[in-house]
C-alpha atoms as a PDB file:
ATOM      1  CA  MET A   1      79.728 166.971  78.670  1.00  0.00           C
ATOM      2  CA  PRO A   2      77.242 164.088  78.906  1.00  0.00           C
ATOM      3  CA  THR A   3      75.487 163.605  82.224  1.00  0.00           C
ATOM      4  CA  GLY A   4      75.010 160.301  84.006  1.00  0.00           C
ATOM      5  CA  ASN A   5      71.399 160.210  82.808  1.00  0.00           C
ATOM      6  CA  THR A   6      72.472 160.669  79.194  1.00  0.00           C
ATOM      7  CA  ILE A   7      75.090 157.934  79.468  1.00  0.00           C
ATOM      8  CA  PHE A   8      72.517 155.699  81.187  1.00  0.00           C
ATOM      9  CA  ARG A   9      70.038 156.158  78.363  1.00  0.00           C
ATOM     10  CA  TRP A  10      72.630 155.575  75.609  1.00  0.00           C
ATOM     11  CA  CYS A  11      73.940 152.451  77.349  1.00  0.00           C
ATOM     12  CA  MET A  12      70.458 151.025  77.679  1.00  0.00           C
ATOM     13  CA  LEU A  13      69.539 151.863  74.086  1.00  0.00           C
ATOM     14  CA  GLY A  14      72.852 150.478  72.833  1.00  0.00           C
ATOM     15  CA  ALA A  15      72.320 147.258  74.775  1.00  0.00           C
ATOM     16  CA  ALA A  16      68.762 146.950  73.457  1.00  0.00           C
ATOM     17  CA  PHE A  17      69.765 147.435  69.819  1.00  0.00           C
ATOM     18  CA  ILE A  18      72.770 145.112  70.049  1.00  0.00           C
ATOM     19  CA  VAL A  19      70.752 142.333  71.693  1.00  0.00           C
ATOM     20  CA  ALA A  20      67.984 142.811  69.105  1.00  0.00           C
ATOM     21  CA  GLY A  21      70.623 142.583  66.358  1.00  0.00           C
ATOM     22  CA  VAL A  22      71.971 139.328  67.758  1.00  0.00           C
ATOM     23  CA  ALA A  23      68.406 137.970  67.927  1.00  0.00           C
ATOM     24  CA  ALA A  24      67.899 138.938  64.277  1.00  0.00           C
ATOM     25  CA  TYR A  25      71.225 137.292  63.376  1.00  0.00           C
ATOM     26  CA  PHE A  26      70.195 133.994  64.974  1.00  0.00           C
ATOM     27  CA  LEU A  27      66.724 134.200  63.475  1.00  0.00           C
ATOM     28  CA  ALA A  28      68.224 134.758  60.021  1.00  0.00           C
ATOM     29  CA  ASN A  29      70.409 131.677  60.485  1.00  0.00           C
ATOM     30  CA  TYR A  30      67.519 129.499  61.643  1.00  0.00           C
ATOM     31  CA  VAL A  31      66.763 128.118  58.174  1.00  0.00           C
ATOM     32  CA  THR A  32      70.370 127.018  57.631  1.00  0.00           C
ATOM     33  CA  ALA A  33      70.499 125.515  61.105  1.00  0.00           C
ATOM     34  CA  SER A  34      67.194 123.745  60.572  1.00  0.00           C
ATOM     35  CA  ILE A  35      68.473 122.142  57.344  1.00  0.00           C
ATOM     36  CA  ALA A  36      71.653 121.036  59.103  1.00  0.00           C
ATOM     37  CA  ILE A  37      69.622 119.591  61.948  1.00  0.00           C
ATOM     38  CA  ARG A  38      67.367 117.732  59.514  1.00  0.00           C
ATOM     39  CA  ASN A  39      70.426 116.220  57.796  1.00  0.00           C
ATOM     40  CA  SER A  40      72.115 115.302  61.079  1.00  0.00           C
ATOM     41  CA  GLY A  41      70.553 111.881  61.444  1.00  0.00           C
ATOM     42  CA  LEU A  42      69.183 112.663  64.901  1.00  0.00           C
ATOM     43  CA  ARG A  43      65.836 111.208  65.906  1.00  0.00           C
ATOM     44  CA  ALA A  44      62.849 113.490  65.252  1.00  0.00           C
ATOM     45  CA  PHE A  45      62.436 114.246  68.972  1.00  0.00           C
ATOM     46  CA  TYR A  46      65.960 115.687  69.208  1.00  0.00           C
ATOM     47  CA  GLN A  47      65.634 117.579  65.928  1.00  0.00           C
ATOM     48  CA  ASP A  48      62.430 119.232  67.083  1.00  0.00           C
ATOM     49  CA  SER A  49      63.921 119.965  70.493  1.00  0.00           C
ATOM     50  CA  VAL A  50      66.950 121.722  69.013  1.00  0.00           C
ATOM     51  CA  ARG A  51      64.736 123.756  66.677  1.00  0.00           C
ATOM     52  CA  ALA A  52      62.497 124.742  69.595  1.00  0.00           C
ATOM     53  CA  MET A  53      65.477 125.750  71.734  1.00  0.00           C
ATOM     54  CA  TRP A  54      66.919 127.790  68.867  1.00  0.00           C
ATOM     55  CA  LEU A  55      63.668 129.717  68.442  1.00  0.00           C
ATOM     56  CA  ALA A  56      63.219 130.055  72.212  1.00  0.00           C
ATOM     57  CA  TYR A  57      66.683 131.623  72.417  1.00  0.00           C
ATOM     58  CA  VAL A  58      65.771 134.098  69.682  1.00  0.00           C
ATOM     59  CA  LEU A  59      62.542 134.935  71.511  1.00  0.00           C
ATOM     60  CA  GLN A  60      64.429 135.355  74.793  1.00  0.00           C
ATOM     61  CA  LEU A  61      66.863 137.792  73.187  1.00  0.00           C
ATOM     62  CA  ALA A  62      64.032 139.712  71.520  1.00  0.00           C
ATOM     63  CA  LEU A  63      62.154 140.055  74.813  1.00  0.00           C
ATOM     64  CA  LEU A  64      65.360 141.117  76.558  1.00  0.00           C
ATOM     65  CA  ALA A  65      65.901 143.788  73.915  1.00  0.00           C
ATOM     66  CA  VAL A  66      62.356 145.070  74.396  1.00  0.00           C
ATOM     67  CA  MET A  67      62.835 145.242  78.173  1.00  0.00           C
ATOM     68  CA  LEU A  68      66.137 147.113  77.853  1.00  0.00           C
ATOM     69  CA  PHE A  69      64.583 149.538  75.377  1.00  0.00           C
ATOM     70  CA  PHE A  70      61.637 150.016  77.747  1.00  0.00           C
ATOM     71  CA  ALA A  71      64.036 150.618  80.650  1.00  0.00           C
ATOM     72  CA  ALA A  72      65.835 153.302  78.632  1.00  0.00           C
ATOM     73  CA  LEU A  73      62.603 155.149  77.935  1.00  0.00           C
ATOM     74  CA  ARG A  74      60.815 154.611  81.251  1.00  0.00           C
ATOM     75  CA  PRO A  75      63.322 153.723  83.993  1.00  0.00           C
ATOM     76  CA  GLU A  76      60.738 154.414  86.696  1.00  0.00           C
ATOM     77  CA  SER A  77      58.667 151.496  85.368  1.00  0.00           C
ATOM     78  CA  ILE A  78      61.260 148.815  86.046  1.00  0.00           C
ATOM     79  CA  SER A  79      63.636 148.234  88.918  1.00  0.00           C
ATOM     80  CA  ARG A  80      67.376 148.576  88.731  1.00  0.00           C
ATOM     81  CA  SER A  81      67.865 145.065  90.110  1.00  0.00           C
ATOM     82  CA  ALA A  82      65.628 143.623  87.385  1.00  0.00           C
ATOM     83  CA  VAL A  83      67.782 145.302  84.730  1.00  0.00           C
ATOM     84  CA  ILE A  84      70.933 143.939  86.363  1.00  0.00           C
ATOM     85  CA  ILE A  85      69.499 140.408  86.273  1.00  0.00           C
ATOM     86  CA  LEU A  86      68.317 140.882  82.688  1.00  0.00           C
ATOM     87  CA  SER A  87      71.776 142.113  81.698  1.00  0.00           C
ATOM     88  CA  LEU A  88      73.481 139.152  83.357  1.00  0.00           C
ATOM     89  CA  MET A  89      71.491 136.659  81.279  1.00  0.00           C
ATOM     90  CA  PRO A  90      73.418 137.225  78.032  1.00  0.00           C
ATOM     91  CA  ILE A  91      76.762 136.893  79.818  1.00  0.00           C
ATOM     92  CA  GLY A  92      76.095 133.180  80.306  1.00  0.00           C
ATOM     93  CA  SER A  93      75.011 132.897  76.684  1.00  0.00           C
ATOM     94  CA  THR A  94      78.185 134.672  75.595  1.00  0.00           C
ATOM     95  CA  ALA A  95      80.338 132.179  77.486  1.00  0.00           C
ATOM     96  CA  LEU A  96      78.429 129.235  76.001  1.00  0.00           C
ATOM     97  CA  LEU A  97      78.680 130.642  72.480  1.00  0.00           C
ATOM     98  CA  PHE A  98      82.445 131.064  72.855  1.00  0.00           C
ATOM     99  CA  PHE A  99      82.843 127.555  74.229  1.00  0.00           C
ATOM    100  CA  PHE A 100      80.494 125.562  71.991  1.00  0.00           C
ATOM    101  CA  ALA A 101      79.737 127.575  68.854  1.00  0.00           C
ATOM    102  CA  SER A 102      81.869 129.143  66.201  1.00  0.00           C
ATOM    103  CA  SER A 103      79.719 132.278  66.238  1.00  0.00           C
ATOM    104  CA  ARG A 104      82.375 134.610  67.603  1.00  0.00           C
ATOM    105  CA  LEU A 105      80.762 137.788  66.244  1.00  0.00           C
ATOM    106  CA  GLY A 106      77.432 136.955  67.879  1.00  0.00           C
ATOM    107  CA  ALA A 107      79.158 136.135  71.161  1.00  0.00           C
ATOM    108  CA  VAL A 108      81.217 139.342  71.177  1.00  0.00           C
ATOM    109  CA  LEU A 109      78.216 141.508  70.333  1.00  0.00           C
ATOM    110  CA  LEU A 110      76.099 139.793  72.959  1.00  0.00           C
ATOM    111  CA  GLY A 111      78.842 140.364  75.527  1.00  0.00           C
ATOM    112  CA  VAL A 112      79.066 144.046  74.580  1.00  0.00           C
ATOM    113  CA  GLY A 113      75.293 144.336  74.915  1.00  0.00           C
ATOM    114  CA  ALA A 114      75.420 142.733  78.357  1.00  0.00           C
ATOM    115  CA  VAL A 115      78.194 145.073  79.514  1.00  0.00           C
ATOM    116  CA  LEU A 116      76.293 148.116  78.226  1.00  0.00           C
ATOM    117  CA  GLY A 117      73.217 146.945  80.120  1.00  0.00           C
ATOM    118  CA  LEU A 118      75.242 146.541  83.316  1.00  0.00           C
ATOM    119  CA  VAL A 119      76.895 149.960  82.910  1.00  0.00           C
ATOM    120  CA  GLY A 120      73.453 151.464  82.316  1.00  0.00           C
ATOM    121  CA  ALA A 121      72.169 149.764  85.476  1.00  0.00           C
ATOM    122  CA  LEU A 122      75.087 151.184  87.462  1.00  0.00           C
ATOM    123  CA  LEU A 123      74.235 154.664  86.177  1.00  0.00           C
ATOM    124  CA  TRP A 124      70.534 154.195  86.914  1.00  0.00           C
ATOM    125  CA  PRO A 125      68.889 157.592  87.481  1.00  0.00           C
ATOM    126  CA  THR A 126      68.015 158.274  91.087  1.00  0.00           C
ATOM    127  CA  ARG A 127      65.735 161.164  90.109  1.00  0.00           C
ATOM    128  CA  ALA A 128      63.247 161.470  87.283  1.00  0.00           C
ATOM    129  CA  LEU A 129      64.834 162.214  83.943  1.00  0.00           C
ATOM    130  CA  PRO A 130      64.065 165.709  82.548  1.00  0.00           C
ATOM    131  CA  ASP A 131      61.508 164.401  80.076  1.00  0.00           C
ATOM    132  CA  GLN A 132      59.634 162.687  82.927  1.00  0.00           C
ATOM    133  CA  VAL A 133      59.230 165.752  85.167  1.00  0.00           C
ATOM    134  CA  PRO A 134      55.768 167.314  84.741  1.00  0.00           C
ATOM    135  CA  GLY A 135      56.027 170.809  83.351  1.00  0.00           C
ATOM    136  CA  SER A 136      59.595 170.482  82.100  1.00  0.00           C
ATOM    137  CA  PRO A 137      60.160 171.892  78.612  1.00  0.00           C
ATOM    138  CA  SER A 138      60.778 168.481  77.033  1.00  0.00           C
ATOM    139  CA  SER A 139      57.711 166.837  78.638  1.00  0.00           C
ATOM    140  CA  THR A 140      55.112 169.231  77.272  1.00  0.00           C
ATOM    141  CA  VAL A 141      53.403 168.387  74.029  1.00  0.00           C
ATOM    142  CA  THR A 142      52.924 171.267  71.642  1.00  0.00           C
END
């Protein structure tokens, strides 16, 4: 039976990989979006602003994925409250994607990633994980 620490780690890793996948999805669609923006008839300022926001969103998701992955591997290096705040960020994005965009798959996956991050934060280990205890069998390098 999985322990709370195991579930914590899988939730955090799952959230990290899902958020990274959504970032990759939006990055892959950047070229198509950029062409559509160029053909929109908007002034150059607005076109450049939308492109910048698109790429900033991808960067934000990528950094969030890195932080969640880092939290899964080294939970003592980041606070539980920071992970809760980081996991709440994509919930707002999920709501906006559902309301404004037709990217339902991206929104659903982002929401699942956010929920996994929150569940992982609720199961945050209160003691060092076995691979972080000096002298434990899994922490020694052979």
